Amino acid sequence: MKLYIVRHGDPDYAADCLTERGRREAELLADRLEKLDFAAIYVSPLGRARETAQATLGRLGRQGETKGWLREFAPRRFDPDAGRETVIWDWLPQSWTSEKAFYDREGWMHVPVMEASGVPAEAKWVYDGLDEVLAKHGYRHEGDIFRSEKPNRDSILFFCHFGVGCVMLGHLLGISPMPLWHGTCALTTSVTTLVTEERREGIASFRMISFGDISHLTAAHQEPSFSARFCETWDCAEERHD
């Protein structure tokens, strides 16, 4: 089985929709995805992801299935560095790297600040939702592996968000999402692809064969949006944001 995890297009977060640039990105993404055959398509309920998905769904003449757990990963915390509340997965490197539990596949969510913000329940919602979808398509999560009860080469497409996408990847790969949240950047409309690997009959694992692919943008000479990035160097004042 093959999984495609797509981040939404360039967003207007205040209005929860796409910008004009984001709509252009979504159309270029649709140029790419309409050539593929998907057994199922799942969509976040948030507007920016739904609008991104609609460009592809319209081309395919399909309806996506909305899954609440595909919304952006929602817990928040008070960030003393910024002096305000922020999403739970946005930390300064000097803050989160000092806590070694954040590198642990299970321990990351049980750090006190995470527990206080309701992260374990939110993560379980995502994990259980993803497992339910995979079981429906023939792969049942069992401990650290997946039982391939109905092995197949189906392609499954998810339209969602960077934060929750990293939670999904952490669950599939057996790692903490913290290094993914802070060490990777899925640009707008980027595509992350995983495939099952069944080296022994009935026992499967997932392997990521590409992360954050934006070849559909580069092929169209479309400069990717800066959304989700921070200043490359401190002296880039126009790129700085909290």
Protein backbone atom coordinates (compact mmCIF):
# COMPACT_ATOMS: atom_id res chain seq x y z
CA MET A 1 0.00 0.00 0.00
CA LYS A 2 1.11 3.53 -0.68
CA LEU A 3 0.20 6.60 1.40
CA TYR A 4 0.32 10.18 0.15
CA ILE A 5 0.22 12.87 2.86
CA VAL A 6 -0.36 16.34 1.38
CA ARG A 7 -0.05 19.65 3.15
CA HIS A 8 -2.55 22.36 2.17
CA GLY A 9 -1.70 25.27 -0.12
CA ASP A 10 -0.47 28.72 0.90
CA PRO A 11 -2.93 29.73 3.62
CA ASP A 12 -4.82 32.73 4.86
CA TYR A 13 -4.95 31.43 8.42
CA ALA A 14 -7.29 34.17 9.67
CA ALA A 15 -9.94 33.24 7.10
CA ASP A 16 -9.01 29.54 7.04
CA CYS A 17 -8.80 29.44 3.26
CA LEU A 18 -6.18 29.62 0.52
CA THR A 19 -4.55 32.73 -0.78
CA GLU A 20 -4.52 33.38 -4.52
CA ARG A 21 -1.05 31.84 -4.53
CA GLY A 22 -2.38 28.85 -2.62
CA ARG A 23 -5.12 28.29 -5.18
CA ARG A 24 -2.51 28.31 -7.94
CA GLU A 25 -0.46 25.77 -5.97
CA ALA A 26 -3.54 23.57 -5.52
CA GLU A 27 -4.17 23.54 -9.28
CA LEU A 28 -0.56 22.58 -9.97
CA LEU A 29 -0.86 19.81 -7.38
CA ALA A 30 -4.04 18.61 -9.10
CA ASP A 31 -2.12 18.45 -12.39
CA ARG A 32 0.09 15.89 -10.68
CA LEU A 33 -2.43 13.91 -8.62
CA GLU A 34 -5.12 13.54 -11.28
CA LYS A 35 -2.81 11.10 -13.09
CA LEU A 36 -2.88 8.68 -10.14
CA ASP A 37 -5.49 6.14 -9.05
CA PHE A 38 -6.58 6.41 -5.41
CA ALA A 39 -8.54 3.77 -3.54
CA ALA A 40 -9.63 6.40 -1.02
CA ILE A 41 -9.16 10.11 -0.32
CA TYR A 42 -9.39 11.56 3.21
CA VAL A 43 -9.62 15.26 3.97
CA SER A 44 -9.20 17.52 7.01
CA PRO A 45 -12.34 19.47 7.96
CA LEU A 46 -10.46 22.80 7.93
CA GLY A 47 -11.09 25.16 5.04
CA ARG A 48 -7.53 25.51 3.75
CA ALA A 49 -7.16 21.74 3.41
CA ARG A 50 -10.64 21.27 1.93
CA GLU A 51 -9.98 23.96 -0.68
CA THR A 52 -6.67 22.32 -1.58
CA ALA A 53 -8.36 18.93 -1.89
CA GLN A 54 -11.20 20.26 -4.01
CA ALA A 55 -8.87 21.13 -6.89
CA THR A 56 -7.87 17.46 -7.15
CA LEU A 57 -11.28 16.00 -6.30
CA GLY A 58 -12.89 18.09 -9.02
CA ARG A 59 -10.46 16.78 -11.62
CA LEU A 60 -11.06 13.19 -10.49
CA GLY A 61 -14.82 13.54 -10.14
CA ARG A 62 -14.52 12.20 -6.61
CA GLN A 63 -15.72 13.02 -3.11
CA GLY A 64 -13.25 12.92 -0.24
CA GLU A 65 -14.13 11.52 3.18
CA THR A 66 -13.75 14.10 5.95
CA LYS A 67 -11.91 12.92 9.08
CA GLY A 68 -11.92 15.19 12.13
CA TRP A 69 -8.58 13.89 13.40
CA LEU A 70 -6.89 15.20 10.22
CA ARG A 71 -7.40 18.79 11.39
CA GLU A 72 -4.27 20.65 12.44
CA PHE A 73 -2.82 19.30 15.70
CA ALA A 74 -4.62 21.61 18.11
CA PRO A 75 -3.18 21.59 21.70
CA ARG A 76 -1.63 24.87 22.84
CA ARG A 77 0.76 26.01 25.57
CA PHE A 78 1.96 29.27 27.02
CA ASP A 79 5.35 30.05 25.49
CA PRO A 80 7.44 32.12 27.93
CA ASP A 81 9.89 33.02 25.14
CA ALA A 82 7.15 34.60 23.03
CA GLY A 83 5.10 35.76 26.02
CA ARG A 84 1.89 34.31 24.60
CA GLU A 85 0.01 31.10 23.90
CA THR A 86 1.17 29.12 20.88
CA VAL A 87 0.66 25.74 19.25
CA ILE A 88 2.17 22.91 21.23
CA TRP A 89 4.55 21.91 18.44
CA ASP A 90 6.30 25.27 18.01
CA TRP A 91 9.33 25.51 20.32
CA LEU A 92 12.68 27.24 20.20
CA PRO A 93 15.47 24.67 19.72
CA GLN A 94 17.20 25.60 22.96
CA SER A 95 13.95 24.87 24.83
CA TRP A 96 12.84 21.49 23.53
CA THR A 97 16.22 19.83 22.88
CA SER A 98 17.14 20.09 26.58
CA GLU A 99 14.32 17.64 27.43
CA LYS A 100 15.52 14.19 26.38
CA ALA A 101 12.05 12.66 26.75
CA PHE A 102 11.02 14.64 23.67
CA TYR A 103 13.11 12.25 21.58
CA ASP A 104 11.29 9.19 22.92
CA ARG A 105 8.55 7.67 20.76
CA GLU A 106 6.14 7.50 23.71
CA GLY A 107 7.72 9.73 26.35
CA TRP A 108 7.40 12.94 24.28
CA MET A 109 3.70 13.33 25.06
CA HIS A 110 4.11 12.69 28.79
CA VAL A 111 6.41 15.62 29.54
CA PRO A 112 4.40 17.69 32.07
CA VAL A 113 3.71 20.61 29.74
CA MET A 114 2.38 18.20 27.13
CA GLU A 115 0.16 16.40 29.62
CA ALA A 116 -1.19 19.71 30.92
CA SER A 117 -2.08 20.73 27.36
CA GLY A 118 -4.03 17.56 26.62
CA VAL A 119 -1.52 16.22 24.12
CA PRO A 120 -1.86 12.49 25.02
CA ALA A 121 -5.58 12.51 24.25
CA GLU A 122 -5.11 14.47 21.02
CA ALA A 123 -2.28 12.19 19.87
CA LYS A 124 -4.35 9.09 20.66
CA TRP A 125 -7.20 10.52 18.56
CA VAL A 126 -4.84 10.86 15.59
CA TYR A 127 -3.20 7.47 16.16
CA ASP A 128 -6.53 5.67 16.53
CA GLY A 129 -8.03 7.45 13.53
CA LEU A 130 -5.08 6.56 11.32
CA ASP A 131 -5.08 2.96 12.54
CA GLU A 132 -8.80 2.68 11.79
CA VAL A 133 -8.26 3.87 8.21
CA LEU A 134 -5.31 1.52 7.66
CA ALA A 135 -7.22 -1.45 9.10
CA LYS A 136 -10.08 -0.68 6.72
CA HIS A 137 -7.58 -0.99 3.87
CA GLY A 138 -6.06 -4.24 5.12
CA TYR A 139 -3.28 -3.24 7.52
CA ARG A 140 -3.88 -3.70 11.27
CA HIS A 141 -1.50 -2.08 13.75
CA GLU A 142 -0.14 -4.60 16.23
CA GLY A 143 2.56 -3.41 18.61
CA ASP A 144 5.45 -2.07 16.56
CA ILE A 145 4.36 -3.63 13.25
CA PHE A 146 1.36 -3.86 10.96
CA ARG A 147 -0.35 -7.15 10.16
CA SER A 148 -1.01 -7.21 6.44
CA GLU A 149 -4.33 -9.00 6.60
CA LYS A 150 -5.22 -8.00 3.03
CA PRO A 151 -1.95 -7.01 1.33
CA ASN A 152 -2.52 -4.63 -1.54
CA ARG A 153 -0.99 -1.94 -3.72
CA ASP A 154 -3.77 0.58 -3.14
CA SER A 155 -2.90 4.27 -2.95
CA ILE A 156 -4.47 6.32 -0.15
CA LEU A 157 -4.45 10.14 -0.23
CA PHE A 158 -4.64 12.44 2.80
CA PHE A 159 -5.10 16.23 2.62
CA CYS A 160 -4.10 17.74 5.95
CA HIS A 161 -1.56 19.98 7.72
CA PHE A 162 2.10 20.05 8.70
CA GLY A 163 1.64 19.56 12.45
CA VAL A 164 -0.73 16.62 12.27
CA GLY A 165 1.20 15.18 9.33
CA CYS A 166 4.26 14.85 11.57
CA VAL A 167 2.15 13.11 14.23
CA MET A 168 1.02 10.64 11.56
CA LEU A 169 4.59 10.07 10.40
CA GLY A 170 5.75 9.54 13.97
CA HIS A 171 3.08 6.87 14.43
CA LEU A 172 3.86 5.11 11.16
CA LEU A 173 7.64 5.18 11.63
CA GLY A 174 7.74 4.59 15.39
CA ILE A 175 9.42 7.86 16.35
CA SER A 176 8.63 11.04 18.27
CA PRO A 177 7.12 13.84 16.18
CA MET A 178 9.24 16.46 17.96
CA PRO A 179 12.33 16.06 15.71
CA LEU A 180 9.99 16.02 12.71
CA TRP A 181 8.19 19.21 13.78
CA HIS A 182 11.49 21.01 14.30
CA GLY A 183 13.87 19.33 11.87
CA THR A 184 11.71 19.16 8.75
CA CYS A 185 9.54 21.59 6.81
CA ALA A 186 6.74 20.44 4.51
CA LEU A 187 6.15 23.38 2.20
CA THR A 188 2.68 24.21 0.92
CA THR A 189 1.09 21.50 -1.27
CA SER A 190 4.12 19.29 -0.71
CA VAL A 191 3.62 15.53 -0.96
CA THR A 192 5.09 12.99 1.45
CA THR A 193 4.95 9.38 0.29
CA LEU A 194 5.23 6.12 2.26
CA VAL A 195 5.00 2.54 1.09
CA THR A 196 4.52 -0.70 2.95
CA GLU A 197 7.39 -3.14 3.06
CA GLU A 198 6.54 -6.82 3.62
CA ARG A 199 9.81 -8.71 4.01
CA ARG A 200 8.01 -11.56 5.76
CA GLU A 201 4.54 -12.68 4.78
CA GLY A 202 1.86 -11.01 6.88
CA ILE A 203 4.22 -8.54 8.61
CA ALA A 204 4.46 -5.02 7.22
CA SER A 205 6.14 -1.77 8.10
CA PHE A 206 6.06 1.65 6.48
CA ARG A 207 9.01 3.25 4.73
CA MET A 208 9.04 6.92 3.71
CA ILE A 209 10.31 7.20 0.14
CA SER A 210 9.93 10.96 -0.20
CA PHE A 211 9.24 13.88 2.13
CA GLY A 212 7.79 17.25 1.23
CA ASP A 213 8.09 16.79 -2.54
CA ILE A 214 7.21 19.97 -4.48
CA SER A 215 8.22 18.82 -7.96
CA HIS A 216 4.83 19.92 -9.29
CA LEU A 217 5.72 23.49 -8.29
CA THR A 218 9.28 23.48 -9.56
CA ALA A 219 8.20 21.94 -12.89
CA ALA A 220 5.86 24.92 -13.34
CA HIS A 221 8.56 27.39 -12.24
CA GLN A 222 6.41 28.28 -9.22
CA GLU A 223 8.49 29.57 -6.31
CA PRO A 224 7.32 27.74 -3.15
CA SER A 225 5.62 29.75 -0.43
CA PHE A 226 7.65 30.72 2.64
CA SER A 227 4.80 29.51 4.86
CA ALA A 228 6.06 27.18 7.65
CA ARG A 229 9.62 28.48 7.41
CA PHE A 230 11.45 30.86 9.73
CA CYS A 231 14.31 33.26 9.04
CA GLU A 232 17.29 31.50 7.52
CA THR A 233 19.63 33.87 9.35
CA TRP A 234 18.78 36.33 12.14
CA ASP A 235 19.66 39.35 10.02
CA CYS A 236 16.77 38.54 7.62
CA ALA A 237 14.37 40.79 9.50
CA GLU A 238 11.63 40.51 6.89
CA GLU A 239 11.56 36.72 7.39
CA ARG A 240 11.37 36.84 11.19
CA HIS A 241 8.18 35.96 13.01
CA ASP A 242 7.49 34.55 16.48
